[in-house]
């Protein structure tokens, strides 16, 4: 079965299938009308819509740490010198200055401790710091108001849309 936003690769020799499901957010994205404009919102309490795609999986690999390890949003936007964070979508060089990265989160240490104590074995490939040095390591302009298939103009000038 191939789902929208999904890519399936079947390996019959190993009796397994590998599915890739991409979504800018693990949780559901929605919008509300505020006055005469539509405002994007994230439903941090709603995972069912995307979860249906991988509900019966034996192994899950996903990156959701952003939602429980990020700090003050205002501080991170200041790093890019634009309050709405638009500058980063053309960046291609890594961050070389440690002062721009976040310290290893205490909450991540707690997660590691809980995983060690679980009855059902859970393997964690910890990539918490992997994207710290990438300026483009977040959805950026690709989640503006839930738009799909952005035009080149929308990518180049996200502040206009």
Protein backbone atom coordinates (compact mmCIF):
# COMPACT_ATOMS: atom_id res chain seq x y z
CA UNK A 1 0.00 0.00 0.00
CA UNK A 2 1.29 3.44 -0.87
CA UNK A 3 -0.06 6.36 1.10
CA UNK A 4 -0.01 10.03 0.23
CA UNK A 5 3.22 11.41 1.74
CA UNK A 6 4.58 7.87 1.98
CA UNK A 7 7.13 5.81 0.11
CA UNK A 8 7.19 2.04 0.50
CA UNK A 9 10.11 -0.25 -0.19
CA UNK A 10 9.51 -4.00 0.13
CA UNK A 11 12.43 -6.36 0.74
CA UNK A 12 11.14 -9.89 0.18
CA UNK A 13 14.51 -11.49 1.01
CA UNK A 14 14.17 -10.25 4.57
CA UNK A 15 10.39 -10.53 4.90
CA UNK A 16 10.08 -6.88 5.84
CA UNK A 17 8.85 -3.66 4.39
CA UNK A 18 10.27 -0.24 5.02
CA UNK A 19 7.90 2.68 4.80
CA UNK A 20 8.80 6.32 4.84
CA UNK A 21 6.11 8.74 5.92
CA UNK A 22 6.89 12.42 5.73
CA UNK A 23 4.95 15.18 7.37
CA UNK A 24 6.28 18.54 8.49
CA UNK A 25 4.78 17.83 11.90
CA UNK A 26 4.06 14.60 13.76
CA UNK A 27 0.92 16.24 15.12
CA UNK A 28 -1.99 17.59 13.11
CA UNK A 29 -1.82 21.00 11.47
CA UNK A 30 -5.01 23.00 11.12
CA UNK A 31 -6.10 26.57 10.60
CA UNK A 32 -8.53 28.95 12.23
CA UNK A 33 -10.09 32.14 10.97
CA UNK A 34 -9.10 35.23 12.93
CA UNK A 35 -10.97 38.19 11.57
CA UNK A 36 -10.53 38.05 7.83
CA UNK A 37 -7.30 36.03 7.86
CA UNK A 38 -6.56 32.36 8.28
CA UNK A 39 -4.04 31.45 10.97
CA UNK A 40 -2.13 28.15 11.02
CA UNK A 41 -2.25 26.23 14.29
CA UNK A 42 -0.72 22.99 15.49
CA UNK A 43 -2.83 20.57 17.47
CA UNK A 44 -0.21 19.22 19.85
CA UNK A 45 -2.81 16.90 21.38
CA UNK A 46 -3.81 15.26 18.07
CA UNK A 47 -1.68 12.54 16.48
CA UNK A 48 -4.38 10.14 15.23
CA UNK A 49 -4.51 11.41 11.65
CA UNK A 50 -0.82 10.75 10.92
CA UNK A 51 -0.58 7.85 13.37
CA UNK A 52 -3.00 5.78 11.29
CA UNK A 53 -0.24 5.28 8.72
CA UNK A 54 2.15 3.58 11.13
CA UNK A 55 -0.14 2.19 13.82
CA UNK A 56 0.78 -1.49 13.17
CA UNK A 57 4.50 -0.98 12.65
CA UNK A 58 6.94 -3.13 14.61
CA UNK A 59 9.64 -0.48 14.52
CA UNK A 60 9.18 3.28 14.36
CA UNK A 61 11.87 5.77 13.53
CA UNK A 62 10.82 9.38 13.84
CA UNK A 63 12.01 12.75 14.97
CA UNK A 64 9.65 14.47 17.33
CA UNK A 65 12.07 15.83 19.89
CA UNK A 66 11.54 19.36 18.65
CA UNK A 67 8.23 19.59 20.51
CA UNK A 68 9.62 18.90 23.91
CA UNK A 69 13.18 20.17 23.75
CA UNK A 70 12.90 23.61 22.21
CA UNK A 71 13.46 26.65 24.34
CA UNK A 72 12.30 30.20 23.99
CA UNK A 73 11.11 30.73 20.41
CA UNK A 74 11.96 34.40 20.57
CA UNK A 75 15.60 33.59 21.27
CA UNK A 76 15.90 31.18 18.35
CA UNK A 77 14.32 33.64 15.91
CA UNK A 78 16.79 36.27 16.98
CA UNK A 79 19.64 34.05 15.77
CA UNK A 80 18.49 34.48 12.20
CA UNK A 81 18.05 38.24 12.48
CA UNK A 82 14.41 38.12 11.37
CA UNK A 83 11.51 37.79 13.82
CA UNK A 84 9.60 35.35 11.61
CA UNK A 85 12.64 33.19 10.87
CA UNK A 86 12.50 33.60 7.08
CA UNK A 87 16.20 34.13 6.49
CA UNK A 88 17.19 30.49 7.02
CA UNK A 89 15.65 29.00 3.86
CA UNK A 90 18.62 30.07 1.69
CA UNK A 91 21.31 29.05 4.17
CA UNK A 92 23.60 26.21 3.09
CA UNK A 93 26.61 26.51 5.41
CA UNK A 94 26.71 24.92 8.87
CA UNK A 95 26.71 26.91 12.08
CA UNK A 96 30.25 26.88 13.37
CA UNK A 97 29.68 28.92 16.50
CA UNK A 98 28.72 26.83 19.56
CA UNK A 99 27.01 29.82 21.19
CA UNK A 100 24.17 29.48 18.64
CA UNK A 101 23.40 25.90 19.67
CA UNK A 102 21.31 24.83 22.63
CA UNK A 103 22.69 22.89 25.58
CA UNK A 104 21.78 19.21 25.77
CA UNK A 105 18.27 19.27 27.26
CA UNK A 106 17.64 17.88 30.73
CA UNK A 107 14.35 16.48 29.40
CA UNK A 108 16.33 14.39 26.92
CA UNK A 109 18.35 12.95 29.79
CA UNK A 110 15.07 11.98 31.48
CA UNK A 111 13.84 10.27 28.30
CA UNK A 112 17.03 8.23 28.13
CA UNK A 113 16.59 7.17 31.76
CA UNK A 114 12.96 6.13 31.20
CA UNK A 115 13.88 4.12 28.09
CA UNK A 116 16.56 2.23 30.04
CA UNK A 117 13.94 1.17 32.61
CA UNK A 118 11.23 0.04 30.18
CA UNK A 119 10.12 -3.61 30.19
CA UNK A 120 9.73 -3.64 26.40
CA UNK A 121 13.14 -2.89 24.89
CA UNK A 122 13.31 0.40 23.04
CA UNK A 123 16.30 1.46 20.98
CA UNK A 124 16.99 5.15 20.71
CA UNK A 125 19.26 6.60 18.08
CA UNK A 126 19.82 9.97 19.65
CA UNK A 127 20.23 12.67 17.03
CA UNK A 128 19.25 15.50 19.35
CA UNK A 129 22.24 17.64 18.45
CA UNK A 130 22.47 16.57 14.80
CA UNK A 131 20.48 19.47 13.39
CA UNK A 132 21.85 22.05 15.83
CA UNK A 133 24.51 23.00 13.32
CA UNK A 134 22.15 23.24 10.32
CA UNK A 135 20.46 26.55 9.66
CA UNK A 136 17.89 24.89 7.41
CA UNK A 137 16.99 22.00 9.74
CA UNK A 138 13.33 22.81 10.21
CA UNK A 139 10.25 23.05 7.98
CA UNK A 140 10.80 26.78 7.34
CA UNK A 141 8.77 28.15 4.43
CA UNK A 142 7.39 24.72 3.52
CA UNK A 143 4.66 24.92 6.15
CA UNK A 144 3.34 28.39 5.46
CA UNK A 145 -0.41 28.23 6.04
CA UNK A 146 -0.48 24.54 5.17
CA UNK A 147 0.37 25.16 1.51
CA UNK A 148 1.59 22.26 -0.57
CA UNK A 149 3.77 22.41 -3.67
CA UNK A 150 5.00 25.93 -3.10
CA UNK A 151 5.86 27.98 -6.13
CA UNK A 152 9.42 29.21 -6.54
CA UNK A 153 8.18 32.72 -5.75
CA UNK A 154 6.63 31.53 -2.47
CA UNK A 155 9.90 29.83 -1.52
CA UNK A 156 11.99 32.88 -2.45
CA UNK A 157 9.72 35.47 -0.80
CA UNK A 158 7.78 33.70 2.00
CA UNK A 159 7.04 36.97 3.81
CA UNK A 160 4.73 38.01 0.93
CA UNK A 161 2.34 35.10 1.42
